[in-house]
């Protein structure tokens, strides 16, 4: 007896494996994006610190320039002190705003990432549920397809047996006809 169901079963198994691999790829992509989001948020402190150091270095360079002007230009001490005070106020204002901006950026990013995580978790759950339903329907279709293939195989074997019987009858009739003609 020939097994007509093996190709059908194999095709369905391959399809299910493909569905499951696609689902895992989606979950890995979401996880990867979440890791990137965490890394970006984690790097904000480093970025803020580096930028703050850059601003402070700029302030130090400007102070050095004012020190040079003060030491080389006679009578400029009063004016340089006024400029130094104005520069310090502007740098203090800049650094205060800089910290506030980074705090706002970080809180907005954290809120956005949390929303993204919630949304993607809901999405992945929905996909998981849909894949589960799809696999169940797929298994049912496979079961029906295997039954059809088995029935086809049984019918094919019956037809083959009938053909063989008819062939035997034809051969018998031919043999009788040959015997009758020869006799």
Protein backbone atom coordinates (compact mmCIF):
# COMPACT_ATOMS: atom_id res chain seq x y z
CA UNK A 1 0.00 0.00 0.00
CA UNK A 2 1.34 3.41 -1.01
CA UNK A 3 1.32 6.19 1.64
CA UNK A 4 -0.26 9.22 -0.04
CA UNK A 5 -0.33 11.23 3.18
CA UNK A 6 3.42 11.72 3.72
CA UNK A 7 3.82 14.63 1.24
CA UNK A 8 0.69 16.30 2.63
CA UNK A 9 1.85 15.94 6.23
CA UNK A 10 5.35 17.16 5.35
CA UNK A 11 3.99 20.24 3.57
CA UNK A 12 1.81 21.15 6.55
CA UNK A 13 4.70 20.64 8.99
CA UNK A 14 6.91 22.93 6.90
CA UNK A 15 4.19 25.59 6.79
CA UNK A 16 3.71 25.44 10.57
CA UNK A 17 7.48 25.66 11.12
CA UNK A 18 7.55 28.75 8.90
CA UNK A 19 4.70 30.34 10.86
CA UNK A 20 6.41 29.63 14.17
CA UNK A 21 9.76 30.98 12.91
CA UNK A 22 8.06 34.17 11.73
CA UNK A 23 6.46 34.57 15.13
CA UNK A 24 9.82 34.11 16.89
CA UNK A 25 11.45 36.60 14.50
CA UNK A 26 8.79 39.17 15.39
CA UNK A 27 9.34 38.62 19.11
CA UNK A 28 13.13 38.93 18.66
CA UNK A 29 12.69 42.14 16.66
CA UNK A 30 10.53 43.64 19.40
CA UNK A 31 13.03 42.56 22.06
CA UNK A 32 15.91 44.02 20.03
CA UNK A 33 14.08 47.36 19.71
CA UNK A 34 13.42 47.39 23.45
CA UNK A 35 17.14 46.81 24.11
CA UNK A 36 18.02 49.68 21.79
CA UNK A 37 15.54 51.95 23.56
CA UNK A 38 17.05 51.07 26.94
CA UNK A 39 20.56 51.70 25.61
CA UNK A 40 19.57 55.11 24.26
CA UNK A 41 18.01 56.11 27.58
CA UNK A 42 21.04 54.75 29.42
CA UNK A 43 23.37 56.84 27.25
CA UNK A 44 21.57 60.12 28.00
CA UNK A 45 23.50 60.67 31.25
CA UNK A 46 26.78 60.18 29.40
CA UNK A 47 25.72 62.58 26.65
CA UNK A 48 24.60 65.18 29.18
CA UNK A 49 27.84 64.87 31.12
CA UNK A 50 29.96 65.17 27.96
CA UNK A 51 28.04 68.22 26.77
CA UNK A 52 28.22 69.81 30.24
CA UNK A 53 32.00 69.29 30.27
CA UNK A 54 32.17 70.88 26.82
CA UNK A 55 30.24 73.94 28.04
CA UNK A 56 32.37 74.18 31.18
CA UNK A 57 35.54 73.89 29.08
CA UNK A 58 34.26 76.67 26.84
CA UNK A 59 33.67 78.81 29.95
CA UNK A 60 37.21 78.07 31.19
CA UNK A 61 38.67 79.00 27.79
CA UNK A 62 36.69 82.22 27.79
CA UNK A 63 37.92 83.00 31.33
CA UNK A 64 41.50 82.36 30.20
CA UNK A 65 40.97 84.77 27.33
CA UNK A 66 39.60 87.40 29.74
CA UNK A 67 42.58 86.79 32.06
CA UNK A 68 44.91 87.39 29.12
CA UNK A 69 43.09 90.59 28.15
CA UNK A 70 43.15 91.80 31.75
CA UNK A 71 46.88 91.18 32.11
CA UNK A 72 47.84 92.75 28.77
CA UNK A 73 45.50 95.71 28.52
CA UNK A 74 46.16 98.39 31.15
CA UNK A 75 43.05 99.73 32.88
CA UNK A 76 40.77 96.95 31.55
CA UNK A 77 40.33 95.23 34.90
CA UNK A 78 36.95 96.81 35.68
CA UNK A 79 35.52 96.14 32.25
CA UNK A 80 36.89 92.60 32.22
CA UNK A 81 35.28 91.93 35.62
CA UNK A 82 31.92 93.12 34.27
CA UNK A 83 32.30 90.96 31.15
CA UNK A 84 33.40 88.00 33.32
CA UNK A 85 30.33 88.43 35.53
CA UNK A 86 28.00 88.64 32.50
CA UNK A 87 29.67 85.59 30.93
CA UNK A 88 29.36 83.63 34.18
CA UNK A 89 25.66 84.50 34.42
CA UNK A 90 25.08 83.38 30.83
CA UNK A 91 27.01 80.14 31.34
CA UNK A 92 25.16 79.43 34.60
CA UNK A 93 21.86 80.05 32.80
CA UNK A 94 22.98 77.79 29.94
CA UNK A 95 24.04 74.99 32.29
CA UNK A 96 20.80 75.24 34.27
CA UNK A 97 18.73 75.04 31.06
CA UNK A 98 20.98 72.28 29.76
CA UNK A 99 20.23 70.11 32.80
CA UNK A 100 16.52 70.90 32.58
CA UNK A 101 16.41 70.02 28.88
CA UNK A 102 18.10 66.69 29.49
CA UNK A 103 15.76 65.93 32.40
CA UNK A 104 12.78 66.66 30.12
CA UNK A 105 14.25 64.61 27.27
CA UNK A 106 14.91 61.68 29.57
CA UNK A 107 11.45 61.74 31.15
CA UNK A 108 9.77 62.03 27.72
CA UNK A 109 11.89 59.21 26.32
CA UNK A 110 11.18 56.99 29.33
CA UNK A 111 7.46 57.70 28.98
CA UNK A 112 7.63 57.02 25.23
CA UNK A 113 9.54 53.79 25.72
CA UNK A 114 7.09 52.63 28.37
CA UNK A 115 4.20 53.37 26.00
CA UNK A 116 6.04 51.57 23.20
CA UNK A 117 6.70 48.57 25.45
CA UNK A 118 3.05 48.41 26.50
CA UNK A 119 1.85 48.73 22.92
CA UNK A 120 4.26 46.12 21.57
CA UNK A 121 3.45 43.75 24.44
CA UNK A 122 -0.23 44.02 23.53
CA UNK A 123 0.63 43.59 19.84
CA UNK A 124 2.81 40.53 20.49
CA UNK A 125 0.09 39.02 22.70
CA UNK A 126 -2.47 39.59 19.93
CA UNK A 127 -0.14 38.05 17.34
CA UNK A 128 0.51 35.08 19.65
CA UNK A 129 -3.24 34.54 20.01
CA UNK A 130 -3.79 34.83 16.25
CA UNK A 131 -0.91 32.44 15.54
CA UNK A 132 -2.34 29.98 18.04
CA UNK A 133 -5.71 30.13 16.28
CA UNK A 134 -4.02 29.88 12.89
CA UNK A 135 -2.02 26.82 13.94
CA UNK A 136 -5.16 25.16 15.32
CA UNK A 137 -7.02 25.83 12.06
CA UNK A 138 -3.97 24.70 10.12
CA UNK A 139 -3.84 21.42 12.07
CA UNK A 140 -7.54 20.87 11.39
CA UNK A 141 -6.98 21.53 7.69
CA UNK A 142 -4.06 19.09 7.75
CA UNK A 143 -6.25 16.45 9.38
CA UNK A 144 -8.92 16.93 6.71
CA UNK A 145 -6.30 16.91 3.94
CA UNK A 146 -4.77 13.69 5.27
CA UNK A 147 -8.24 12.08 5.33
CA UNK A 148 -8.83 13.19 1.74
CA UNK A 149 -5.42 11.84 0.70
CA UNK A 150 -6.14 8.53 2.44
CA UNK A 151 -9.54 8.30 0.74
CA UNK A 152 -7.94 9.15 -2.60
CA UNK A 153 -5.33 6.46 -2.00
CA UNK A 154 -7.99 3.91 -1.10
CA UNK A 155 -10.06 4.80 -4.17
CA UNK A 156 -6.98 4.70 -6.37
CA UNK A 157 -6.13 1.24 -5.06
CA UNK A 158 -9.71 0.07 -5.68
CA UNK A 159 -9.59 1.39 -9.24
CA UNK A 160 -6.22 -0.26 -9.74
CA UNK A 161 -7.63 -3.59 -8.48
CA UNK A 162 -10.64 -3.23 -10.81
CA UNK A 163 -8.32 -2.47 -13.74
CA UNK A 164 -6.23 -5.52 -12.89
CA UNK A 165 -9.39 -7.69 -12.66
CA UNK A 166 -10.61 -6.35 -15.99
CA UNK A 167 -7.20 -6.94 -17.50
CA UNK A 168 -7.29 -10.54 -16.23
CA UNK A 169 -10.79 -11.00 -17.68
CA UNK A 170 -9.68 -9.54 -21.02
CA UNK A 171 -6.68 -11.84 -21.06
CA UNK A 172 -8.94 -14.81 -20.23
CA UNK A 173 -11.40 -13.87 -23.00
CA UNK A 174 -8.48 -13.46 -25.41
CA UNK A 175 -7.13 -16.84 -24.40
CA UNK A 176 -10.57 -18.43 -24.91
CA UNK A 177 -10.93 -16.67 -28.26
CA UNK A 178 -7.50 -17.86 -29.30
CA UNK A 179 -8.36 -21.41 -28.23
CA UNK A 180 -11.69 -21.23 -30.10
CA UNK A 181 -10.03 -19.93 -33.26
CA UNK A 182 -7.36 -22.59 -33.13
CA UNK A 183 -9.89 -25.34 -32.50
